[in-house]
Amino acid sequence: MRAWLLVLLACLALPVHAELWGFVDAAGVAHFAPRQLDARYKPVLGSVGMQRVPGKTDAGLALLNWLDIAPEVKAVQPWVREAAARHGVDAELLKAIIAVESGYQKAAVSPRGAMGLMQITPETAARYATPADAARLIEPRINIHTGARMLADLLRRFPIDTALAAWNAGEGAVRRAGNRLPDIDETQAHVQLVLELYWALLQQSQPARAQRLTLHP
């Protein structure tokens, strides 16, 4: 187990009862949230206290299965595995970030200019991609490798929760918070959501390892 994964035990001890809700819309886009935003959202998994349990509803299992069988997911799986191996990060963590950031929509562009599967900003591309790659950031393979390179760098310098916070809010926000999770609702929800989905994906692909990362009251 990579050393940084050991801190996941502490990271999962968030001061809330964590849940993961989601649905796939008519266009085939997956949507995830830490709570039920409306009637379309169905439970994927949840927790009782700090004990993680896999989602048991048909809708929840179907949504997790979507992350294995959807054409847009399968199309980029080779690049996810390639980037995970090259940069030393978990493929399940990359998948969780992609699902939360873009719902696997490769052409997604945010109002801030973040683009592609992992929603890479121009500033991030300038730091982690070559000029040639930065100009082609919307391409899935380049986008995933750039994101994996950034994630690996953050994980070398921060525990996983603060690394994900730095991904979402920027390293400056983490530094100002004393290298801890910033008191920003959007960022805390993002970190919780990625960690929950990461755990759920591990539960499917590596159940014994996921069990070792499960906290019990």
Foldseek 3Di string as FASTA:
>chain_A
DDPLVVCLLVVLQDPDWWWKWWAQDPVRFIEIFRDDPDPRIDTLWTGDNQFTDGDDDPRNVVSLVCCVPPPLNVVCLVLLVVLCVVLVHDSLLLSLQLCHPPSSPLADADPQGQHGSNRHHLVLCVVQHDPVLSVVCSDSNSVSNSVSNQLSVLSVPARLLLSQLCSVPNPVQCVVVVVDRHPDVVSVRRSSSSSSSSLNNCCVVPVVVSVVSGDDD
